[in-house]
Amino acid sequence: MNIFFRTNYFKQMSLYFLELMILQLRTPSWFTEMSED
C-alpha cells in the first residue's frame, strides 16, 4: 500500500468521524435514541 494513499485514507476517515461528532453534538436526542436501541 502506498504511503500517500494511506495518509489520504486516514484524512478521509478523520473528517468522517469529525462530522459524526458534530452531528452528535447538534442532534443529541437523535443520538441517544439510536444508542438506546
N, C-alpha and C. Protein backbone atom coordinates (compact mmCIF):
# COMPACT_ATOMS: atom_id res chain seq x y z
N MET A 1 0.84 -1.21 0.00
CA MET A 1 0.00 0.00 0.00
C MET A 1 0.88 1.27 0.00
N ASN A 2 0.47 2.18 -0.80
CA ASN A 2 1.19 3.44 -0.97
C ASN A 2 1.00 4.34 0.26
N ILE A 3 2.08 4.96 0.71
CA ILE A 3 2.00 5.83 1.90
C ILE A 3 1.07 7.01 1.66
N PHE A 4 1.14 7.59 0.48
CA PHE A 4 0.27 8.73 0.17
C PHE A 4 -1.19 8.30 0.26
N PHE A 5 -1.49 7.14 -0.26
CA PHE A 5 -2.86 6.62 -0.22
C PHE A 5 -3.30 6.40 1.22
N ARG A 6 -2.43 5.87 2.03
CA ARG A 6 -2.76 5.61 3.44
C ARG A 6 -3.06 6.90 4.20
N THR A 7 -2.24 7.91 4.01
CA THR A 7 -2.47 9.18 4.71
C THR A 7 -3.74 9.83 4.21
N ASN A 8 -3.99 9.71 2.92
CA ASN A 8 -5.20 10.27 2.34
C ASN A 8 -6.43 9.58 2.93
N TYR A 9 -6.35 8.27 3.02
CA TYR A 9 -7.44 7.48 3.58
C TYR A 9 -7.68 7.86 5.04
N PHE A 10 -6.60 8.01 5.78
CA PHE A 10 -6.70 8.38 7.19
C PHE A 10 -7.35 9.74 7.33
N LYS A 11 -6.99 10.67 6.43
CA LYS A 11 -7.57 12.01 6.46
C LYS A 11 -9.08 11.94 6.22
N GLN A 12 -9.47 11.11 5.26
CA GLN A 12 -10.89 10.95 4.95
C GLN A 12 -11.65 10.40 6.17
N MET A 13 -11.07 9.41 6.82
CA MET A 13 -11.70 8.81 7.99
C MET A 13 -11.82 9.83 9.12
N SER A 14 -10.78 10.63 9.32
CA SER A 14 -10.80 11.65 10.37
C SER A 14 -11.93 12.64 10.12
N LEU A 15 -12.07 13.08 8.87
CA LEU A 15 -13.13 14.02 8.53
C LEU A 15 -14.49 13.38 8.77
N TYR A 16 -14.59 12.11 8.43
CA TYR A 16 -15.85 11.39 8.60
C TYR A 16 -16.24 11.33 10.08
N PHE A 17 -15.29 10.95 10.92
CA PHE A 17 -15.57 10.87 12.35
C PHE A 17 -15.84 12.25 12.95
N LEU A 18 -15.14 13.24 12.44
CA LEU A 18 -15.36 14.61 12.91
C LEU A 18 -16.79 15.03 12.60
N GLU A 19 -17.25 14.71 11.40
CA GLU A 19 -18.63 15.03 11.02
C GLU A 19 -19.62 14.32 11.93
N LEU A 20 -19.33 13.07 12.24
CA LEU A 20 -20.21 12.30 13.13
C LEU A 20 -20.29 12.96 14.50
N MET A 21 -19.16 13.39 15.01
CA MET A 21 -19.15 14.03 16.33
C MET A 21 -19.93 15.34 16.30
N ILE A 22 -19.78 16.10 15.23
CA ILE A 22 -20.53 17.37 15.11
C ILE A 22 -22.02 17.09 15.04
N LEU A 23 -22.40 16.08 14.27
CA LEU A 23 -23.82 15.71 14.17
C LEU A 23 -24.34 15.29 15.54
N GLN A 24 -23.52 14.57 16.25
CA GLN A 24 -23.89 14.09 17.58
C GLN A 24 -24.13 15.27 18.52
N LEU A 25 -23.29 16.29 18.43
CA LEU A 25 -23.45 17.48 19.27
C LEU A 25 -24.69 18.28 18.87
N ARG A 26 -24.94 18.33 17.57
CA ARG A 26 -26.06 19.11 17.08
C ARG A 26 -27.41 18.43 17.33
N THR A 27 -27.41 17.10 17.30
CA THR A 27 -28.67 16.38 17.50
C THR A 27 -28.50 15.28 18.56
N PRO A 28 -28.34 15.67 19.82
CA PRO A 28 -28.11 14.69 20.89
C PRO A 28 -29.29 13.76 21.12
N SER A 29 -30.51 14.25 20.94
CA SER A 29 -31.69 13.41 21.17
C SER A 29 -31.72 12.26 20.16
N TRP A 30 -31.39 12.56 18.92
CA TRP A 30 -31.35 11.53 17.89
C TRP A 30 -30.30 10.48 18.25
N PHE A 31 -29.15 10.94 18.70
CA PHE A 31 -28.06 10.03 19.04
C PHE A 31 -28.44 9.12 20.21
N THR A 32 -29.05 9.67 21.23
CA THR A 32 -29.42 8.86 22.39
C THR A 32 -30.49 7.84 22.01
N GLU A 33 -31.42 8.24 21.15
CA GLU A 33 -32.44 7.30 20.68
C GLU A 33 -31.80 6.12 19.97
N MET A 34 -30.82 6.41 19.15
CA MET A 34 -30.14 5.37 18.40
C MET A 34 -29.38 4.42 19.33
N SER A 35 -28.69 4.95 20.31
CA SER A 35 -27.89 4.11 21.21
C SER A 35 -28.77 3.29 22.16
N GLU A 36 -29.93 3.81 22.49
CA GLU A 36 -30.84 3.05 23.36
C GLU A 36 -31.39 1.82 22.64
N ASP A 37 -31.53 1.94 21.34
CA ASP A 37 -31.98 0.83 20.53
C ASP A 37 -30.87 -0.20 20.43
